[in-house]
Structure formats: C-alpha cells, structure tokens
Amino acid sequence: MNDLNALKEIAVEAIRRAFPVGDAPPDALMRNDHCSECQETVDRFVGKRWPEIGVCDLAGNPGPSLLTAVGFRYYLPVMMLRAMEAPRELDCFPDSVIGELSPAGSKLNTHSGNRLNDFTADQVHAILAFLRFFESSEKVAAAKDDWPKEAIATIPISRPLSRALKYWQARLLAMST
C-alpha cells in the first residue's frame, strides 16, 4: 500500500503544479442545455474555481462528458484529485473521468478532440501520474495479499484505462520529438 500512497502523492503534486487555478470559465462557456441531466451537471461546477469543488459536489456520478470542452479542461484537475481522494464515495465517477481521457480508435472524434487538445507537457505528465495511480490501484485490488510485486505487475487493467495510458504516453512522446 505504501507504493499506492507514494503514487497518489506524486499525482497530486503533479496535478497541483501543472494546472493553474485561474478564474472559473464564464457561464456562457459552461452552459450545456441539452437536457436536464446536462444542466444539473453543469450547475455543480459553474461559477466555482476548480479547487472549490469538493467530493460532495461530485457525489451521485455527474457525467464529466456532459461538461463543455472548456469546462472539462478547466475542471479536469479537481476531477482527478477528488477521484483519487474518494474513489469509493464517488462510485463510478473515477471510471467516468478515466473514460473521458480514453479516446477510442486512432483518430479523435470531435467531442474528444475538443476536450483532449491544448494540454501542456506538464499537464500531460500530471494526467499520466493520475492514470498510473489508478493502474496500480486496479492491480492491487485484484491481487491477493500474499502476491509478490512481480505477480501483481502482470494483472491486466481495464480497457479504458489501458487505452488512456497508451494515448497519453503517445501524446507525451510526440511532444518531446
């Protein structure tokens, strides 16, 4: 478990360092009036700077996919932080965040492209640290208490998490060339 705590601390520090707080996006850029569920999700975030969002704001599984691209990019750091802070309390929310970071296929569709572009190298590093924490968490959860680290390392992870790790590792590699 010490390894998980260390990975969590690394991810938390990377996220806090990479994502500036700044002002919350204007209401007009947050509005998603598609349906009542979209409106309810946006209402949990609108007008709040990302550090002001607590676990209680994310309870009940609001859909990160229902945020506008601007809202998603601005609130991503707090969604990652709270997902690590309270994964059980937030039920499926951490999986939803990972899913949004996990584009299917080799080309981004418009929805994913608008959300996953414009991140800096430091932000990509922070996203990868978040994903690596959940990769280890999944493996540890599936292992028996007496399993050696080598056996735990071979445990497969969920498909969305695997896709997300591959996508963000490739993004980082492309940024460094």
N, C-alpha and C. Protein backbone atom coordinates (compact mmCIF):
# COMPACT_ATOMS: atom_id res chain seq x y z
N MET A 1 0.81 -1.20 0.00
CA MET A 1 0.00 0.00 0.00
C MET A 1 0.86 1.27 0.00
N ASN A 2 2.06 1.19 0.54
CA ASN A 2 2.92 2.36 0.55
C ASN A 2 3.21 2.84 -0.87
N ASP A 3 3.32 1.87 -1.81
CA ASP A 3 3.54 2.25 -3.20
C ASP A 3 2.36 3.05 -3.75
N LEU A 4 1.15 2.66 -3.40
CA LEU A 4 -0.04 3.40 -3.84
C LEU A 4 -0.06 4.80 -3.25
N ASN A 5 0.27 4.90 -1.98
CA ASN A 5 0.30 6.23 -1.35
C ASN A 5 1.34 7.12 -2.01
N ALA A 6 2.49 6.55 -2.33
CA ALA A 6 3.54 7.34 -3.00
C ALA A 6 3.08 7.78 -4.39
N LEU A 7 2.45 6.87 -5.14
CA LEU A 7 1.94 7.23 -6.47
C LEU A 7 0.86 8.31 -6.37
N LYS A 8 0.04 8.21 -5.36
CA LYS A 8 -1.01 9.22 -5.16
C LYS A 8 -0.39 10.58 -4.86
N GLU A 9 0.61 10.61 -3.99
CA GLU A 9 1.28 11.88 -3.66
C GLU A 9 1.95 12.48 -4.88
N ILE A 10 2.59 11.64 -5.68
CA ILE A 10 3.22 12.11 -6.92
C ILE A 10 2.17 12.72 -7.85
N ALA A 11 1.06 12.03 -8.01
CA ALA A 11 0.00 12.52 -8.91
C ALA A 11 -0.61 13.82 -8.38
N VAL A 12 -0.89 13.89 -7.09
CA VAL A 12 -1.48 15.10 -6.52
C VAL A 12 -0.54 16.29 -6.73
N GLU A 13 0.73 16.11 -6.45
CA GLU A 13 1.70 17.20 -6.63
C GLU A 13 1.80 17.60 -8.10
N ALA A 14 1.83 16.63 -8.99
CA ALA A 14 1.94 16.94 -10.42
C ALA A 14 0.72 17.71 -10.91
N ILE A 15 -0.46 17.31 -10.45
CA ILE A 15 -1.70 17.99 -10.85
C ILE A 15 -1.71 19.42 -10.33
N ARG A 16 -1.40 19.58 -9.07
CA ARG A 16 -1.42 20.95 -8.48
C ARG A 16 -0.40 21.86 -9.14
N ARG A 17 0.74 21.30 -9.51
CA ARG A 17 1.80 22.10 -10.12
C ARG A 17 1.47 22.43 -11.58
N ALA A 18 0.82 21.52 -12.29
CA ALA A 18 0.63 21.69 -13.73
C ALA A 18 -0.60 22.50 -14.12
N PHE A 19 -1.61 22.52 -13.25
CA PHE A 19 -2.86 23.17 -13.63
C PHE A 19 -3.07 24.44 -12.82
N PRO A 20 -2.96 25.59 -13.46
CA PRO A 20 -3.20 26.84 -12.74
C PRO A 20 -4.68 26.96 -12.34
N VAL A 21 -4.91 27.63 -11.23
CA VAL A 21 -6.29 27.77 -10.76
C VAL A 21 -7.04 28.75 -11.64
N GLY A 22 -6.59 29.96 -11.74
CA GLY A 22 -7.27 30.94 -12.58
C GLY A 22 -8.74 31.11 -12.24
N ASP A 23 -9.40 31.94 -13.01
CA ASP A 23 -10.83 32.16 -12.82
C ASP A 23 -11.62 31.02 -13.47
N ALA A 24 -12.77 30.76 -12.91
CA ALA A 24 -13.68 29.77 -13.49
C ALA A 24 -14.12 30.25 -14.88
N PRO A 25 -14.39 29.32 -15.77
CA PRO A 25 -14.87 29.73 -17.10
C PRO A 25 -16.17 30.52 -16.99
N PRO A 26 -16.38 31.47 -17.87
CA PRO A 26 -17.63 32.22 -17.86
C PRO A 26 -18.83 31.28 -18.04
N ASP A 27 -19.94 31.66 -17.45
CA ASP A 27 -21.15 30.84 -17.52
C ASP A 27 -21.51 30.48 -18.96
N ALA A 28 -21.34 31.41 -19.88
CA ALA A 28 -21.72 31.17 -21.28
C ALA A 28 -20.91 30.03 -21.88
N LEU A 29 -19.66 29.84 -21.45
CA LEU A 29 -18.83 28.75 -21.98
C LEU A 29 -19.06 27.43 -21.25
N MET A 30 -19.79 27.48 -20.16
CA MET A 30 -20.10 26.28 -19.39
C MET A 30 -21.47 25.72 -19.75
N ARG A 31 -22.37 26.55 -20.24
CA ARG A 31 -23.77 26.14 -20.48
C ARG A 31 -23.87 24.96 -21.41
N ASN A 32 -24.61 23.97 -20.97
CA ASN A 32 -24.97 22.83 -21.80
C ASN A 32 -26.43 22.55 -21.50
N ASP A 33 -27.29 23.10 -22.31
CA ASP A 33 -28.73 23.00 -22.09
C ASP A 33 -29.35 21.87 -22.89
N HIS A 34 -28.57 20.86 -23.21
CA HIS A 34 -29.07 19.74 -23.99
C HIS A 34 -30.24 19.04 -23.30
N CYS A 35 -30.09 18.81 -21.99
CA CYS A 35 -31.13 18.10 -21.24
C CYS A 35 -31.00 18.46 -19.77
N SER A 36 -31.92 18.00 -18.96
CA SER A 36 -31.88 18.34 -17.53
C SER A 36 -30.65 17.73 -16.85
N GLU A 37 -30.21 16.56 -17.28
CA GLU A 37 -29.01 15.95 -16.69
C GLU A 37 -27.77 16.80 -17.00
N CYS A 38 -27.68 17.30 -18.22
CA CYS A 38 -26.58 18.18 -18.60
C CYS A 38 -26.59 19.44 -17.74
N GLN A 39 -27.77 20.04 -17.59
CA GLN A 39 -27.89 21.26 -16.80
C GLN A 39 -27.53 21.01 -15.34
N GLU A 40 -27.97 19.88 -14.80
CA GLU A 40 -27.66 19.56 -13.40
C GLU A 40 -26.16 19.37 -13.20
N THR A 41 -25.51 18.71 -14.15
CA THR A 41 -24.06 18.51 -14.05
C THR A 41 -23.34 19.84 -14.10
N VAL A 42 -23.66 20.66 -15.05
CA VAL A 42 -23.01 21.97 -15.18
C VAL A 42 -23.23 22.81 -13.93
N ASP A 43 -24.43 22.76 -13.35
CA ASP A 43 -24.73 23.55 -12.16
C ASP A 43 -23.84 23.19 -10.98
N ARG A 44 -23.31 21.98 -10.95
CA ARG A 44 -22.41 21.58 -9.86
C ARG A 44 -21.07 22.32 -9.94
N PHE A 45 -20.72 22.79 -11.13
CA PHE A 45 -19.42 23.39 -11.37
C PHE A 45 -19.46 24.90 -11.60
N VAL A 46 -20.46 25.35 -12.31
CA VAL A 46 -20.47 26.73 -12.82
C VAL A 46 -20.22 27.77 -11.72
N GLY A 47 -19.34 28.70 -12.05
CA GLY A 47 -19.03 29.80 -11.14
C GLY A 47 -18.04 29.48 -10.05
N LYS A 48 -17.59 28.23 -9.97
CA LYS A 48 -16.64 27.83 -8.94
C LYS A 48 -15.26 27.64 -9.55
N ARG A 49 -14.24 28.13 -8.84
CA ARG A 49 -12.88 27.82 -9.25
C ARG A 49 -12.62 26.35 -8.92
N TRP A 50 -11.76 25.69 -9.69
CA TRP A 50 -11.66 24.25 -9.54
C TRP A 50 -11.29 23.77 -8.14
N PRO A 51 -10.45 24.47 -7.36
CA PRO A 51 -10.17 23.96 -6.01
C PRO A 51 -11.38 24.01 -5.06
N GLU A 52 -12.41 24.76 -5.43
CA GLU A 52 -13.60 24.89 -4.59
C GLU A 52 -14.56 23.71 -4.72
N ILE A 53 -14.31 22.84 -5.70
CA ILE A 53 -15.18 21.67 -5.92
C ILE A 53 -14.76 20.59 -4.92
N GLY A 54 -15.73 20.12 -4.15
CA GLY A 54 -15.45 19.07 -3.17
C GLY A 54 -16.02 17.73 -3.59
N VAL A 55 -15.69 16.73 -2.80
CA VAL A 55 -16.21 15.39 -3.06
C VAL A 55 -17.74 15.43 -3.10
N CYS A 56 -18.34 16.19 -2.19
CA CYS A 56 -19.81 16.25 -2.14
C CYS A 56 -20.40 16.80 -3.44
N ASP A 57 -19.67 17.68 -4.14
CA ASP A 57 -20.15 18.21 -5.42
C ASP A 57 -20.15 17.16 -6.52
N LEU A 58 -19.34 16.13 -6.35
CA LEU A 58 -19.19 15.11 -7.38
C LEU A 58 -19.92 13.82 -7.03
N ALA A 59 -20.56 13.79 -5.87
CA ALA A 59 -21.32 12.61 -5.47
C ALA A 59 -22.53 12.45 -6.39
N GLY A 60 -22.96 11.23 -6.57
CA GLY A 60 -24.12 10.97 -7.41
C GLY A 60 -23.76 10.78 -8.87
N ASN A 61 -22.47 10.68 -9.17
CA ASN A 61 -21.99 10.36 -10.52
C ASN A 61 -22.38 11.36 -11.60
N PRO A 62 -22.05 12.65 -11.42
CA PRO A 62 -22.27 13.56 -12.55
C PRO A 62 -21.37 13.14 -13.70
N GLY A 63 -21.82 13.33 -14.90
CA GLY A 63 -21.07 12.88 -16.07
C GLY A 63 -20.07 13.91 -16.56
N PRO A 64 -18.77 13.64 -16.44
CA PRO A 64 -17.79 14.58 -17.00
C PRO A 64 -18.00 14.82 -18.49
N SER A 65 -18.58 13.84 -19.18
CA SER A 65 -18.83 14.00 -20.61
C SER A 65 -19.88 15.06 -20.90
N LEU A 66 -20.65 15.44 -19.90
CA LEU A 66 -21.71 16.43 -20.10
C LEU A 66 -21.21 17.87 -19.97
N LEU A 67 -19.97 18.02 -19.51
CA LEU A 67 -19.39 19.36 -19.45
C LEU A 67 -18.97 19.79 -20.85
N THR A 68 -18.98 21.08 -21.08
CA THR A 68 -18.45 21.58 -22.35
C THR A 68 -16.95 21.30 -22.37
N ALA A 69 -16.34 21.43 -23.53
CA ALA A 69 -14.89 21.19 -23.64
C ALA A 69 -14.13 22.15 -22.73
N VAL A 70 -14.54 23.40 -22.69
CA VAL A 70 -13.89 24.40 -21.83
C VAL A 70 -14.04 23.99 -20.36
N GLY A 71 -15.23 23.60 -19.98
CA GLY A 71 -15.48 23.18 -18.60
C GLY A 71 -14.69 21.93 -18.24
N PHE A 72 -14.66 20.97 -19.15
CA PHE A 72 -13.92 19.74 -18.89
C PHE A 72 -12.44 20.03 -18.66
N ARG A 73 -11.84 20.81 -19.55
CA ARG A 73 -10.40 21.09 -19.42
C ARG A 73 -10.11 21.87 -18.13
N TYR A 74 -10.97 22.82 -17.79
CA TYR A 74 -10.73 23.62 -16.57
C TYR A 74 -10.90 22.78 -15.31
N TYR A 75 -11.93 21.94 -15.26
CA TYR A 75 -12.23 21.18 -14.03
C TYR A 75 -11.56 19.81 -13.98
N LEU A 76 -10.85 19.42 -15.03
CA LEU A 76 -10.17 18.13 -15.01
C LEU A 76 -9.26 17.95 -13.80
N PRO A 77 -8.47 18.94 -13.40
CA PRO A 77 -7.59 18.69 -12.25
C PRO A 77 -8.36 18.32 -10.98
N VAL A 78 -9.45 18.99 -10.71
CA VAL A 78 -10.19 18.66 -9.49
C VAL A 78 -10.91 17.33 -9.63
N MET A 79 -11.34 17.01 -10.83
CA MET A 79 -11.99 15.71 -11.01
C MET A 79 -10.98 14.59 -10.75
N MET A 80 -9.74 14.77 -11.21
CA MET A 80 -8.71 13.77 -10.96
C MET A 80 -8.37 13.70 -9.46
N LEU A 81 -8.20 14.86 -8.84
CA LEU A 81 -7.86 14.89 -7.42
C LEU A 81 -8.93 14.24 -6.56
N ARG A 82 -10.17 14.58 -6.79
CA ARG A 82 -11.26 14.02 -5.97
C ARG A 82 -11.45 12.53 -6.26
N ALA A 83 -11.23 12.11 -7.50
CA ALA A 83 -11.33 10.68 -7.83
C ALA A 83 -10.30 9.88 -7.04
N MET A 84 -9.11 10.43 -6.86
CA MET A 84 -8.08 9.74 -6.07
C MET A 84 -8.37 9.83 -4.58
N GLU A 85 -8.91 10.96 -4.17
CA GLU A 85 -9.20 11.20 -2.76
C GLU A 85 -10.31 10.29 -2.22
N ALA A 86 -11.34 10.09 -3.01
CA ALA A 86 -12.52 9.37 -2.51
C ALA A 86 -13.10 8.45 -3.58
N PRO A 87 -12.33 7.47 -4.06
CA PRO A 87 -12.84 6.63 -5.15
C PRO A 87 -14.08 5.83 -4.78
N ARG A 88 -14.17 5.36 -3.56
CA ARG A 88 -15.35 4.57 -3.17
C ARG A 88 -16.59 5.46 -3.02
N GLU A 89 -16.41 6.60 -2.39
CA GLU A 89 -17.54 7.50 -2.18
C GLU A 89 -18.09 8.02 -3.51
N LEU A 90 -17.20 8.15 -4.49
CA LEU A 90 -17.62 8.71 -5.78
C LEU A 90 -18.09 7.65 -6.77
N ASP A 91 -18.13 6.40 -6.32
CA ASP A 91 -18.74 5.31 -7.08
C ASP A 91 -18.14 5.21 -8.49
N CYS A 92 -18.91 5.49 -9.51
CA CYS A 92 -18.46 5.33 -10.90
C CYS A 92 -17.76 6.58 -11.45
N PHE A 93 -17.75 7.66 -10.69
CA PHE A 93 -17.18 8.91 -11.20
C PHE A 93 -15.71 8.75 -11.64
N PRO A 94 -14.84 8.11 -10.84
CA PRO A 94 -13.46 7.94 -11.33
C PRO A 94 -13.38 7.22 -12.67
N ASP A 95 -14.21 6.21 -12.86
CA ASP A 95 -14.24 5.50 -14.14
C ASP A 95 -14.70 6.42 -15.27
N SER A 96 -15.62 7.31 -14.97
CA SER A 96 -16.10 8.26 -15.99
C SER A 96 -14.99 9.23 -16.40
N VAL A 97 -14.20 9.68 -15.43
CA VAL A 97 -13.09 10.58 -15.74
C VAL A 97 -12.07 9.84 -16.61
N ILE A 98 -11.73 8.62 -16.20
CA ILE A 98 -10.78 7.82 -16.99
C ILE A 98 -11.34 7.60 -18.39
N GLY A 99 -12.62 7.31 -18.49
CA GLY A 99 -13.24 7.11 -19.79
C GLY A 99 -13.12 8.33 -20.69
N GLU A 100 -13.26 9.51 -20.12
CA GLU A 100 -13.13 10.74 -20.90
C GLU A 100 -11.69 10.96 -21.36
N LEU A 101 -10.73 10.38 -20.65
CA LEU A 101 -9.32 10.51 -21.01
C LEU A 101 -8.87 9.38 -21.93
N SER A 102 -9.81 8.55 -22.35
CA SER A 102 -9.52 7.33 -23.09
C SER A 102 -10.21 7.31 -24.44
N PRO A 103 -9.69 8.05 -25.40
CA PRO A 103 -10.35 8.05 -26.71
C PRO A 103 -10.24 6.69 -27.39
N ALA A 104 -11.31 6.30 -28.03
CA ALA A 104 -11.31 5.03 -28.77
C ALA A 104 -10.80 5.28 -30.18
N GLY A 105 -10.07 4.36 -30.70
CA GLY A 105 -9.59 4.48 -32.07
C GLY A 105 -8.35 5.33 -32.18
N SER A 106 -7.80 5.36 -33.37
CA SER A 106 -6.55 6.09 -33.58
C SER A 106 -6.77 7.57 -33.87
N LYS A 107 -7.99 7.93 -34.25
CA LYS A 107 -8.29 9.35 -34.52
C LYS A 107 -9.32 9.84 -33.52
N LEU A 108 -9.12 11.05 -33.03
CA LEU A 108 -10.07 11.64 -32.10
C LEU A 108 -11.31 12.11 -32.83
N ASN A 109 -12.47 11.81 -32.27
CA ASN A 109 -13.69 12.38 -32.83
C ASN A 109 -13.77 13.84 -32.36
N THR A 110 -14.73 14.58 -32.83
CA THR A 110 -14.83 16.00 -32.50
C THR A 110 -14.96 16.20 -31.00
N HIS A 111 -15.81 15.41 -30.36
CA HIS A 111 -16.02 15.53 -28.91
C HIS A 111 -14.70 15.37 -28.15
N SER A 112 -13.97 14.30 -28.42
CA SER A 112 -12.70 14.05 -27.73
C SER A 112 -11.64 15.06 -28.13
N GLY A 113 -11.58 15.39 -29.39
CA GLY A 113 -10.58 16.34 -29.86
C GLY A 113 -10.70 17.69 -29.16
N ASN A 114 -11.92 18.17 -29.01
CA ASN A 114 -12.13 19.46 -28.34
C ASN A 114 -11.73 19.41 -26.87
N ARG A 115 -11.84 18.25 -26.25
CA ARG A 115 -11.58 18.11 -24.82
C ARG A 115 -10.13 17.78 -24.51
N LEU A 116 -9.48 17.03 -25.39
CA LEU A 116 -8.17 16.47 -25.06
C LEU A 116 -7.00 17.20 -25.71
N ASN A 117 -7.28 18.23 -26.46
CA ASN A 117 -6.20 19.04 -27.04
C ASN A 117 -5.84 20.19 -26.09
N ASP A 118 -4.76 20.85 -26.41
CA ASP A 118 -4.33 22.06 -25.71
C ASP A 118 -3.84 21.83 -24.29
N PHE A 119 -3.33 20.66 -24.00
CA PHE A 119 -2.69 20.43 -22.70
C PHE A 119 -1.19 20.60 -22.87
N THR A 120 -0.54 21.17 -21.86
CA THR A 120 0.91 21.34 -21.88
C THR A 120 1.58 20.01 -21.54
N ALA A 121 2.89 19.94 -21.74
CA ALA A 121 3.64 18.73 -21.39
C ALA A 121 3.52 18.44 -19.89
N ASP A 122 3.57 19.47 -19.05
CA ASP A 122 3.41 19.26 -17.60
C ASP A 122 2.03 18.72 -17.27
N GLN A 123 1.02 19.19 -17.97
CA GLN A 123 -0.34 18.70 -17.74
C GLN A 123 -0.48 17.25 -18.20
N VAL A 124 0.15 16.91 -19.30
CA VAL A 124 0.13 15.52 -19.78
C VAL A 124 0.84 14.62 -18.76
N HIS A 125 1.96 15.09 -18.22
CA HIS A 125 2.65 14.34 -17.16
C HIS A 125 1.71 14.12 -15.97
N ALA A 126 0.97 15.14 -15.59
CA ALA A 126 0.05 15.04 -14.45
C ALA A 126 -1.08 14.05 -14.75
N ILE A 127 -1.61 14.10 -15.95
CA ILE A 127 -2.66 13.15 -16.34
C ILE A 127 -2.12 11.72 -16.29
N LEU A 128 -0.91 11.53 -16.78
CA LEU A 128 -0.29 10.20 -16.72
C LEU A 128 -0.07 9.74 -15.29
N ALA A 129 0.33 10.64 -14.41
CA ALA A 129 0.52 10.27 -13.00
C ALA A 129 -0.81 9.81 -12.40
N PHE A 130 -1.89 10.52 -12.73
CA PHE A 130 -3.24 10.13 -12.28
C PHE A 130 -3.59 8.74 -12.80
N LEU A 131 -3.37 8.50 -14.08
CA LEU A 131 -3.69 7.21 -14.69
C LEU A 131 -2.83 6.09 -14.11
N ARG A 132 -1.56 6.37 -13.84
CA ARG A 132 -0.68 5.34 -13.24
C ARG A 132 -1.13 4.99 -11.83
N PHE A 133 -1.63 5.97 -11.10
CA PHE A 133 -2.17 5.67 -9.77
C PHE A 133 -3.33 4.69 -9.90
N PHE A 134 -4.24 4.94 -10.82
CA PHE A 134 -5.39 4.04 -10.99
C PHE A 134 -4.97 2.69 -11.58
N GLU A 135 -3.95 2.68 -12.40
CA GLU A 135 -3.43 1.40 -12.90
C GLU A 135 -2.96 0.54 -11.73
N SER A 136 -2.17 1.11 -10.86
CA SER A 136 -1.68 0.37 -9.69
C SER A 136 -2.82 0.00 -8.75
N SER A 137 -3.77 0.92 -8.59
CA SER A 137 -4.92 0.64 -7.72
C SER A 137 -5.71 -0.57 -8.22
N GLU A 138 -5.94 -0.63 -9.53
CA GLU A 138 -6.67 -1.77 -10.10
C GLU A 138 -5.91 -3.07 -9.87
N LYS A 139 -4.62 -3.03 -10.07
CA LYS A 139 -3.82 -4.24 -9.92
C LYS A 139 -3.79 -4.70 -8.47
N VAL A 140 -3.59 -3.77 -7.56
CA VAL A 140 -3.55 -4.12 -6.13
C VAL A 140 -4.91 -4.67 -5.68
N ALA A 141 -5.98 -4.08 -6.16
CA ALA A 141 -7.32 -4.53 -5.77
C ALA A 141 -7.60 -5.96 -6.26
N ALA A 142 -7.01 -6.33 -7.39
CA ALA A 142 -7.25 -7.66 -7.95
C ALA A 142 -6.32 -8.73 -7.36
N ALA A 143 -5.26 -8.30 -6.67
CA ALA A 143 -4.26 -9.24 -6.15
C ALA A 143 -4.64 -9.78 -4.78
N LYS A 144 -4.07 -10.90 -4.46
CA LYS A 144 -4.18 -11.46 -3.11
C LYS A 144 -3.11 -10.81 -2.24
N ASP A 145 -3.35 -10.79 -0.94
CA ASP A 145 -2.42 -10.13 -0.01
C ASP A 145 -1.00 -10.66 -0.06
N ASP A 146 -0.84 -11.94 -0.35
CA ASP A 146 0.49 -12.55 -0.30
C ASP A 146 1.19 -12.59 -1.66
N TRP A 147 0.63 -11.97 -2.68
CA TRP A 147 1.24 -11.99 -4.00
C TRP A 147 2.47 -11.09 -4.05
N PRO A 148 3.53 -11.55 -4.71
CA PRO A 148 4.71 -10.69 -4.87
C PRO A 148 4.43 -9.60 -5.92
N LYS A 149 5.23 -8.55 -5.87
CA LYS A 149 5.07 -7.42 -6.80
C LYS A 149 5.13 -7.86 -8.26
N GLU A 150 5.97 -8.84 -8.55
CA GLU A 150 6.11 -9.31 -9.92
C GLU A 150 4.79 -9.89 -10.44
N ALA A 151 4.09 -10.62 -9.57
CA ALA A 151 2.80 -11.20 -9.97
C ALA A 151 1.75 -10.11 -10.13
N ILE A 152 1.76 -9.14 -9.23
CA ILE A 152 0.79 -8.05 -9.30
C ILE A 152 0.97 -7.25 -10.60
N ALA A 153 2.22 -7.07 -11.01
CA ALA A 153 2.52 -6.30 -12.22
C ALA A 153 1.91 -6.93 -13.47
N THR A 154 1.65 -8.24 -13.44
CA THR A 154 1.12 -8.92 -14.63
C THR A 154 -0.41 -8.89 -14.70
N ILE A 155 -1.07 -8.38 -13.68
CA ILE A 155 -2.53 -8.34 -13.67
C ILE A 155 -3.01 -7.36 -14.74
N PRO A 156 -3.93 -7.78 -15.59
CA PRO A 156 -4.43 -6.85 -16.62
C PRO A 156 -5.29 -5.75 -16.01
N ILE A 157 -5.34 -4.62 -16.70
CA ILE A 157 -6.16 -3.49 -16.25
C ILE A 157 -7.34 -3.32 -17.21
N SER A 158 -8.28 -2.47 -16.81
CA SER A 158 -9.46 -2.24 -17.63
C SER A 158 -9.08 -1.66 -19.00
N ARG A 159 -9.89 -1.94 -19.96
CA ARG A 159 -9.63 -1.48 -21.33
C ARG A 159 -9.58 0.06 -21.42
N PRO A 160 -10.53 0.80 -20.82
CA PRO A 160 -10.44 2.26 -20.91
C PRO A 160 -9.15 2.80 -20.29
N LEU A 161 -8.75 2.24 -19.18
CA LEU A 161 -7.52 2.70 -18.53
C LEU A 161 -6.30 2.38 -19.40
N SER A 162 -6.28 1.20 -19.97
CA SER A 162 -5.18 0.82 -20.86
C SER A 162 -5.11 1.76 -22.07
N ARG A 163 -6.27 2.04 -22.67
CA ARG A 163 -6.32 2.97 -23.82
C ARG A 163 -5.84 4.36 -23.42
N ALA A 164 -6.29 4.82 -22.25
CA ALA A 164 -5.89 6.15 -21.79
C ALA A 164 -4.38 6.23 -21.59
N LEU A 165 -3.81 5.23 -20.95
CA LEU A 165 -2.36 5.23 -20.74
C LEU A 165 -1.62 5.27 -22.08
N LYS A 166 -2.04 4.46 -23.03
CA LYS A 166 -1.38 4.44 -24.34
C LYS A 166 -1.52 5.78 -25.04
N TYR A 167 -2.71 6.35 -24.99
CA TYR A 167 -2.95 7.63 -25.66
C TYR A 167 -2.07 8.73 -25.07
N TRP A 168 -2.06 8.87 -23.75
CA TRP A 168 -1.31 9.96 -23.12
C TRP A 168 0.19 9.74 -23.18
N GLN A 169 0.64 8.49 -23.16
CA GLN A 169 2.07 8.22 -23.34
C GLN A 169 2.50 8.62 -24.75
N ALA A 170 1.67 8.32 -25.73
CA ALA A 170 1.97 8.70 -27.11
C ALA A 170 1.96 10.22 -27.26
N ARG A 171 1.00 10.88 -26.61
CA ARG A 171 0.98 12.35 -26.65
C ARG A 171 2.27 12.95 -26.09
N LEU A 172 2.70 12.41 -24.96
CA LEU A 172 3.93 12.91 -24.35
C LEU A 172 5.13 12.67 -25.24
N LEU A 173 5.20 11.49 -25.83
CA LEU A 173 6.29 11.18 -26.74
C LEU A 173 6.28 12.14 -27.93
N ALA A 174 5.11 12.40 -28.49
CA ALA A 174 5.02 13.33 -29.63
C ALA A 174 5.43 14.75 -29.25
N MET A 175 5.17 15.13 -28.00
CA MET A 175 5.55 16.47 -27.54
C MET A 175 7.07 16.60 -27.38
N SER A 176 7.74 15.49 -27.11
CA SER A 176 9.17 15.55 -26.86
C SER A 176 10.01 15.40 -28.12
N THR A 177 9.35 15.12 -29.25
CA THR A 177 10.11 14.97 -30.51
C THR A 177 9.97 16.19 -31.39
